[in-house]
Amino acid sequence: MRDYEYRKKLQRVPNGIIFGVAEGIARYLSMPVWVVRALWILAAIVTGFFPAAVLYLILAIALPAGPA
């Protein structure tokens, strides 16, 4: 995969685990994907799951799919 294309613009990864949102954010920020996933899980626990889940679904719908 071409990570450079993901660093130019925030996009989700089309073949990611759950819609590819976390992996797309990780590539955009040049971070390991496990860090983004861990932060997302922590945010879900702290906020009572619902707000983090709604934000994740909004990002899954709103972010364009990047190159495969």
PDB file of N, CA and C in Angstrom:
ATOM      1  N   MET A   1       0.837  -1.180   0.000  1.00  0.00           N
ATOM      2  CA  MET A   1       0.000   0.000   0.000  1.00  0.00           C
ATOM      3  C   MET A   1       0.883   1.245   0.000  1.00  0.00           C
ATOM      4  N   ARG A   2       0.347   2.265  -0.549  1.00  0.00           N
ATOM      5  CA  ARG A   2       1.092   3.509  -0.603  1.00  0.00           C
ATOM      6  C   ARG A   2       0.658   4.408   0.548  1.00  0.00           C
ATOM      7  N   ASP A   3       1.457   4.405   1.624  1.00  0.00           N
ATOM      8  CA  ASP A   3       1.113   5.195   2.798  1.00  0.00           C
ATOM      9  C   ASP A   3       1.151   6.690   2.514  1.00  0.00           C
ATOM     10  N   TYR A   4       1.944   7.112   1.545  1.00  0.00           N
ATOM     11  CA  TYR A   4       2.048   8.539   1.244  1.00  0.00           C
ATOM     12  C   TYR A   4       0.697   9.124   0.849  1.00  0.00           C
ATOM     13  N   GLU A   5      -0.083   8.379   0.100  1.00  0.00           N
ATOM     14  CA  GLU A   5      -1.396   8.867  -0.333  1.00  0.00           C
ATOM     15  C   GLU A   5      -2.347   9.057   0.840  1.00  0.00           C
ATOM     16  N   TYR A   6      -2.157   8.298   1.912  1.00  0.00           N
ATOM     17  CA  TYR A   6      -3.006   8.439   3.090  1.00  0.00           C
ATOM     18  C   TYR A   6      -2.569   9.614   3.952  1.00  0.00           C
ATOM     19  N   ARG A   7      -1.293  10.002   3.881  1.00  0.00           N
ATOM     20  CA  ARG A   7      -0.812  11.116   4.682  1.00  0.00           C
ATOM     21  C   ARG A   7      -1.227  12.461   4.098  1.00  0.00           C
ATOM     22  N   LYS A   8      -1.561  12.504   2.822  1.00  0.00           N
ATOM     23  CA  LYS A   8      -1.986  13.759   2.196  1.00  0.00           C
ATOM     24  C   LYS A   8      -3.408  14.118   2.596  1.00  0.00           C
ATOM     25  N   LYS A   9      -4.258  13.114   2.775  1.00  0.00           N
ATOM     26  CA  LYS A   9      -5.671  13.343   3.006  1.00  0.00           C
ATOM     27  C   LYS A   9      -6.208  12.247   3.923  1.00  0.00           C
ATOM     28  N   LEU A  10      -7.075  12.626   4.830  1.00  0.00           N
ATOM     29  CA  LEU A  10      -7.654  11.645   5.748  1.00  0.00           C
ATOM     30  C   LEU A  10      -8.649  10.773   4.994  1.00  0.00           C
ATOM     31  N   GLN A  11      -8.341   9.478   4.927  1.00  0.00           N
ATOM     32  CA  GLN A  11      -9.175   8.512   4.212  1.00  0.00           C
ATOM     33  C   GLN A  11      -9.227   7.232   5.029  1.00  0.00           C
ATOM     34  N   ARG A  12     -10.273   6.458   4.827  1.00  0.00           N
ATOM     35  CA  ARG A  12     -10.319   5.153   5.473  1.00  0.00           C
ATOM     36  C   ARG A  12      -9.715   4.114   4.539  1.00  0.00           C
ATOM     37  N   VAL A  13      -9.238   3.026   5.109  1.00  0.00           N
ATOM     38  CA  VAL A  13      -8.632   1.949   4.330  1.00  0.00           C
ATOM     39  C   VAL A  13      -9.743   0.985   3.929  1.00  0.00           C
ATOM     40  N   PRO A  14      -9.935   0.748   2.640  1.00  0.00           N
ATOM     41  CA  PRO A  14     -11.078  -0.070   2.207  1.00  0.00           C
ATOM     42  C   PRO A  14     -11.066  -1.505   2.719  1.00  0.00           C
ATOM     43  N   ASN A  15      -9.915  -2.084   2.979  1.00  0.00           N
ATOM     44  CA  ASN A  15      -9.870  -3.470   3.459  1.00  0.00           C
ATOM     45  C   ASN A  15      -9.429  -3.528   4.918  1.00  0.00           C
ATOM     46  N   GLY A  16      -9.790  -2.513   5.703  1.00  0.00           N
ATOM     47  CA  GLY A  16      -9.462  -2.485   7.125  1.00  0.00           C
ATOM     48  C   GLY A  16     -10.337  -3.436   7.925  1.00  0.00           C
ATOM     49  N   ILE A  17     -10.051  -3.531   9.213  1.00  0.00           N
ATOM     50  CA  ILE A  17     -10.768  -4.490  10.047  1.00  0.00           C
ATOM     51  C   ILE A  17     -12.242  -4.102  10.208  1.00  0.00           C
ATOM     52  N   ILE A  18     -12.526  -2.916  10.743  1.00  0.00           N
ATOM     53  CA  ILE A  18     -13.909  -2.452  10.877  1.00  0.00           C
ATOM     54  C   ILE A  18     -14.003  -1.137  10.117  1.00  0.00           C
ATOM     55  N   PHE A  19     -14.382  -1.202   8.892  1.00  0.00           N
ATOM     56  CA  PHE A  19     -14.514  -0.061   7.979  1.00  0.00           C
ATOM     57  C   PHE A  19     -13.186   0.626   7.661  1.00  0.00           C
ATOM     58  N   GLY A  20     -12.080   0.287   8.313  1.00  0.00           N
ATOM     59  CA  GLY A  20     -10.776   0.869   8.029  1.00  0.00           C
ATOM     60  C   GLY A  20     -10.555   2.270   8.564  1.00  0.00           C
ATOM     61  N   VAL A  21     -11.396   2.715   9.478  1.00  0.00           N
ATOM     62  CA  VAL A  21     -11.288   4.079  10.004  1.00  0.00           C
ATOM     63  C   VAL A  21     -10.026   4.248  10.847  1.00  0.00           C
ATOM     64  N   ALA A  22      -9.799   3.359  11.792  1.00  0.00           N
ATOM     65  CA  ALA A  22      -8.634   3.476  12.675  1.00  0.00           C
ATOM     66  C   ALA A  22      -7.334   3.384  11.882  1.00  0.00           C
ATOM     67  N   GLU A  23      -7.276   2.498  10.923  1.00  0.00           N
ATOM     68  CA  GLU A  23      -6.068   2.358  10.115  1.00  0.00           C
ATOM     69  C   GLU A  23      -5.836   3.589   9.244  1.00  0.00           C
ATOM     70  N   GLY A  24      -6.898   4.166   8.728  1.00  0.00           N
ATOM     71  CA  GLY A  24      -6.761   5.394   7.944  1.00  0.00           C
ATOM     72  C   GLY A  24      -6.268   6.558   8.788  1.00  0.00           C
ATOM     73  N   ILE A  25      -6.789   6.682  10.010  1.00  0.00           N
ATOM     74  CA  ILE A  25      -6.332   7.737  10.921  1.00  0.00           C
ATOM     75  C   ILE A  25      -4.874   7.505  11.294  1.00  0.00           C
ATOM     76  N   ALA A  26      -4.510   6.259  11.550  1.00  0.00           N
ATOM     77  CA  ALA A  26      -3.125   5.944  11.903  1.00  0.00           C
ATOM     78  C   ALA A  26      -2.160   6.286  10.769  1.00  0.00           C
ATOM     79  N   ARG A  27      -2.534   5.980   9.564  1.00  0.00           N
ATOM     80  CA  ARG A  27      -1.667   6.316   8.427  1.00  0.00           C
ATOM     81  C   ARG A  27      -1.578   7.817   8.230  1.00  0.00           C
ATOM     82  N   TYR A  28      -2.674   8.520   8.421  1.00  0.00           N
ATOM     83  CA  TYR A  28      -2.682   9.968   8.271  1.00  0.00           C
ATOM     84  C   TYR A  28      -1.760  10.626   9.299  1.00  0.00           C
ATOM     85  N   LEU A  29      -1.749  10.096  10.515  1.00  0.00           N
ATOM     86  CA  LEU A  29      -0.933  10.656  11.589  1.00  0.00           C
ATOM     87  C   LEU A  29       0.444  10.009  11.693  1.00  0.00           C
ATOM     88  N   SER A  30       0.750   9.048  10.832  1.00  0.00           N
ATOM     89  CA  SER A  30       2.011   8.301  10.847  1.00  0.00           C
ATOM     90  C   SER A  30       2.257   7.653  12.213  1.00  0.00           C
ATOM     91  N   MET A  31       1.254   6.952  12.683  1.00  0.00           N
ATOM     92  CA  MET A  31       1.322   6.259  13.966  1.00  0.00           C
ATOM     93  C   MET A  31       1.050   4.777  13.746  1.00  0.00           C
ATOM     94  N   PRO A  32       1.465   3.940  14.702  1.00  0.00           N
ATOM     95  CA  PRO A  32       1.071   2.531  14.610  1.00  0.00           C
ATOM     96  C   PRO A  32      -0.442   2.399  14.795  1.00  0.00           C
ATOM     97  N   VAL A  33      -1.046   1.511  14.058  1.00  0.00           N
ATOM     98  CA  VAL A  33      -2.500   1.370  14.096  1.00  0.00           C
ATOM     99  C   VAL A  33      -2.977   0.878  15.455  1.00  0.00           C
ATOM    100  N   TRP A  34      -2.172   0.099  16.159  1.00  0.00           N
ATOM    101  CA  TRP A  34      -2.602  -0.407  17.466  1.00  0.00           C
ATOM    102  C   TRP A  34      -2.768   0.732  18.470  1.00  0.00           C
ATOM    103  N   VAL A  35      -2.001   1.813  18.325  1.00  0.00           N
ATOM    104  CA  VAL A  35      -2.122   2.953  19.229  1.00  0.00           C
ATOM    105  C   VAL A  35      -3.478   3.636  19.019  1.00  0.00           C
ATOM    106  N   VAL A  36      -3.851   3.836  17.769  1.00  0.00           N
ATOM    107  CA  VAL A  36      -5.136   4.470  17.469  1.00  0.00           C
ATOM    108  C   VAL A  36      -6.284   3.596  17.951  1.00  0.00           C
ATOM    109  N   ARG A  37      -6.188   2.302  17.731  1.00  0.00           N
ATOM    110  CA  ARG A  37      -7.244   1.393  18.195  1.00  0.00           C
ATOM    111  C   ARG A  37      -7.341   1.383  19.718  1.00  0.00           C
ATOM    112  N   ALA A  38      -6.195   1.390  20.401  1.00  0.00           N
ATOM    113  CA  ALA A  38      -6.201   1.405  21.867  1.00  0.00           C
ATOM    114  C   ALA A  38      -6.814   2.703  22.390  1.00  0.00           C
ATOM    115  N   LEU A  39      -6.480   3.833  21.775  1.00  0.00           N
ATOM    116  CA  LEU A  39      -7.061   5.106  22.183  1.00  0.00           C
ATOM    117  C   LEU A  39      -8.564   5.131  21.923  1.00  0.00           C
ATOM    118  N   TRP A  40      -8.970   4.528  20.822  1.00  0.00           N
ATOM    119  CA  TRP A  40     -10.393   4.484  20.495  1.00  0.00           C
ATOM    120  C   TRP A  40     -11.156   3.632  21.512  1.00  0.00           C
ATOM    121  N   ILE A  41     -10.581   2.506  21.899  1.00  0.00           N
ATOM    122  CA  ILE A  41     -11.208   1.642  22.907  1.00  0.00           C
ATOM    123  C   ILE A  41     -11.263   2.359  24.254  1.00  0.00           C
ATOM    124  N   LEU A  42     -10.202   3.054  24.606  1.00  0.00           N
ATOM    125  CA  LEU A  42     -10.182   3.818  25.849  1.00  0.00           C
ATOM    126  C   LEU A  42     -11.257   4.912  25.829  1.00  0.00           C
ATOM    127  N   ALA A  43     -11.382   5.603  24.709  1.00  0.00           N
ATOM    128  CA  ALA A  43     -12.420   6.636  24.584  1.00  0.00           C
ATOM    129  C   ALA A  43     -13.808   6.024  24.699  1.00  0.00           C
ATOM    130  N   ALA A  44     -13.998   4.849  24.137  1.00  0.00           N
ATOM    131  CA  ALA A  44     -15.302   4.181  24.229  1.00  0.00           C
ATOM    132  C   ALA A  44     -15.624   3.811  25.671  1.00  0.00           C
ATOM    133  N   ILE A  45     -14.627   3.349  26.404  1.00  0.00           N
ATOM    134  CA  ILE A  45     -14.846   2.977  27.807  1.00  0.00           C
ATOM    135  C   ILE A  45     -15.146   4.211  28.648  1.00  0.00           C
ATOM    136  N   VAL A  46     -14.383   5.268  28.440  1.00  0.00           N
ATOM    137  CA  VAL A  46     -14.536   6.481  29.243  1.00  0.00           C
ATOM    138  C   VAL A  46     -15.862   7.188  28.965  1.00  0.00           C
ATOM    139  N   THR A  47     -16.298   7.195  27.718  1.00  0.00           N
ATOM    140  CA  THR A  47     -17.522   7.918  27.364  1.00  0.00           C
ATOM    141  C   THR A  47     -18.781   7.063  27.453  1.00  0.00           C
ATOM    142  N   GLY A  48     -18.644   5.833  27.845  1.00  0.00           N
ATOM    143  CA  GLY A  48     -19.823   4.969  27.936  1.00  0.00           C
ATOM    144  C   GLY A  48     -20.185   4.342  26.609  1.00  0.00           C
ATOM    145  N   PHE A  49     -19.245   4.158  25.732  1.00  0.00           N
ATOM    146  CA  PHE A  49     -19.348   3.479  24.443  1.00  0.00           C
ATOM    147  C   PHE A  49     -20.167   4.220  23.386  1.00  0.00           C
ATOM    148  N   PHE A  50     -21.333   4.713  23.734  1.00  0.00           N
ATOM    149  CA  PHE A  50     -22.230   5.274  22.726  1.00  0.00           C
ATOM    150  C   PHE A  50     -21.644   6.453  21.936  1.00  0.00           C
ATOM    151  N   PRO A  51     -21.086   7.498  22.582  1.00  0.00           N
ATOM    152  CA  PRO A  51     -20.551   8.621  21.800  1.00  0.00           C
ATOM    153  C   PRO A  51     -19.390   8.214  20.880  1.00  0.00           C
ATOM    154  N   ALA A  52     -18.515   7.356  21.379  1.00  0.00           N
ATOM    155  CA  ALA A  52     -17.385   6.916  20.560  1.00  0.00           C
ATOM    156  C   ALA A  52     -17.866   6.067  19.389  1.00  0.00           C
ATOM    157  N   ALA A  53     -18.865   5.234  19.621  1.00  0.00           N
ATOM    158  CA  ALA A  53     -19.403   4.392  18.546  1.00  0.00           C
ATOM    159  C   ALA A  53     -20.104   5.230  17.487  1.00  0.00           C
ATOM    160  N   VAL A  54     -20.849   6.233  17.912  1.00  0.00           N
ATOM    161  CA  VAL A  54     -21.536   7.108  16.952  1.00  0.00           C
ATOM    162  C   VAL A  54     -20.511   7.877  16.119  1.00  0.00           C
ATOM    163  N   LEU A  55     -19.471   8.406  16.766  1.00  0.00           N
ATOM    164  CA  LEU A  55     -18.423   9.127  16.032  1.00  0.00           C
ATOM    165  C   LEU A  55     -17.729   8.203  15.042  1.00  0.00           C
ATOM    166  N   TYR A  56     -17.459   6.969  15.449  1.00  0.00           N
ATOM    167  CA  TYR A  56     -16.822   6.002  14.558  1.00  0.00           C
ATOM    168  C   TYR A  56     -17.696   5.730  13.331  1.00  0.00           C
ATOM    169  N   LEU A  57     -18.990   5.562  13.533  1.00  0.00           N
ATOM    170  CA  LEU A  57     -19.896   5.320  12.410  1.00  0.00           C
ATOM    171  C   LEU A  57     -19.996   6.534  11.492  1.00  0.00           C
ATOM    172  N   ILE A  58     -19.998   7.728  12.076  1.00  0.00           N
ATOM    173  CA  ILE A  58     -20.019   8.938  11.259  1.00  0.00           C
ATOM    174  C   ILE A  58     -18.761   9.018  10.403  1.00  0.00           C
ATOM    175  N   LEU A  59     -17.603   8.711  11.001  1.00  0.00           N
ATOM    176  CA  LEU A  59     -16.354   8.723  10.232  1.00  0.00           C
ATOM    177  C   LEU A  59     -16.358   7.639   9.152  1.00  0.00           C
ATOM    178  N   ALA A  60     -16.918   6.476   9.458  1.00  0.00           N
ATOM    179  CA  ALA A  60     -16.987   5.405   8.468  1.00  0.00           C
ATOM    180  C   ALA A  60     -17.822   5.806   7.260  1.00  0.00           C
ATOM    181  N   ILE A  61     -18.849   6.595   7.496  1.00  0.00           N
ATOM    182  CA  ILE A  61     -19.718   7.044   6.399  1.00  0.00           C
ATOM    183  C   ILE A  61     -19.121   8.249   5.680  1.00  0.00           C
ATOM    184  N   ALA A  62     -18.539   9.166   6.453  1.00  0.00           N
ATOM    185  CA  ALA A  62     -18.089  10.439   5.886  1.00  0.00           C
ATOM    186  C   ALA A  62     -16.726  10.366   5.175  1.00  0.00           C
ATOM    187  N   LEU A  63     -15.826   9.517   5.683  1.00  0.00           N
ATOM    188  CA  LEU A  63     -14.495   9.459   5.083  1.00  0.00           C
ATOM    189  C   LEU A  63     -14.527   8.696   3.762  1.00  0.00           C
ATOM    190  N   PRO A  64     -13.866   9.228   2.757  1.00  0.00           N
ATOM    191  CA  PRO A  64     -13.802   8.488   1.497  1.00  0.00           C
ATOM    192  C   PRO A  64     -12.847   7.304   1.618  1.00  0.00           C
ATOM    193  N   ALA A  65     -13.097   6.289   0.856  1.00  0.00           N
ATOM    194  CA  ALA A  65     -12.201   5.129   0.841  1.00  0.00           C
ATOM    195  C   ALA A  65     -10.947   5.474   0.053  1.00  0.00           C
ATOM    196  N   GLY A  66      -9.816   5.125   0.617  1.00  0.00           N
ATOM    197  CA  GLY A  66      -8.542   5.392  -0.046  1.00  0.00           C
ATOM    198  C   GLY A  66      -8.202   4.308  -1.045  1.00  0.00           C
ATOM    199  N   PRO A  67      -7.014   4.380  -1.624  1.00  0.00           N
ATOM    200  CA  PRO A  67      -6.606   3.358  -2.582  1.00  0.00           C
ATOM    201  C   PRO A  67      -6.375   2.018  -1.889  1.00  0.00           C
ATOM    202  N   ALA A  68      -6.616   0.953  -2.580  1.00  0.00           N
ATOM    203  CA  ALA A  68      -6.467  -0.384  -2.004  1.00  0.00           C
ATOM    204  C   ALA A  68      -5.057  -0.851  -1.958  1.00  0.00           C
TER     205      ALA A  68
END
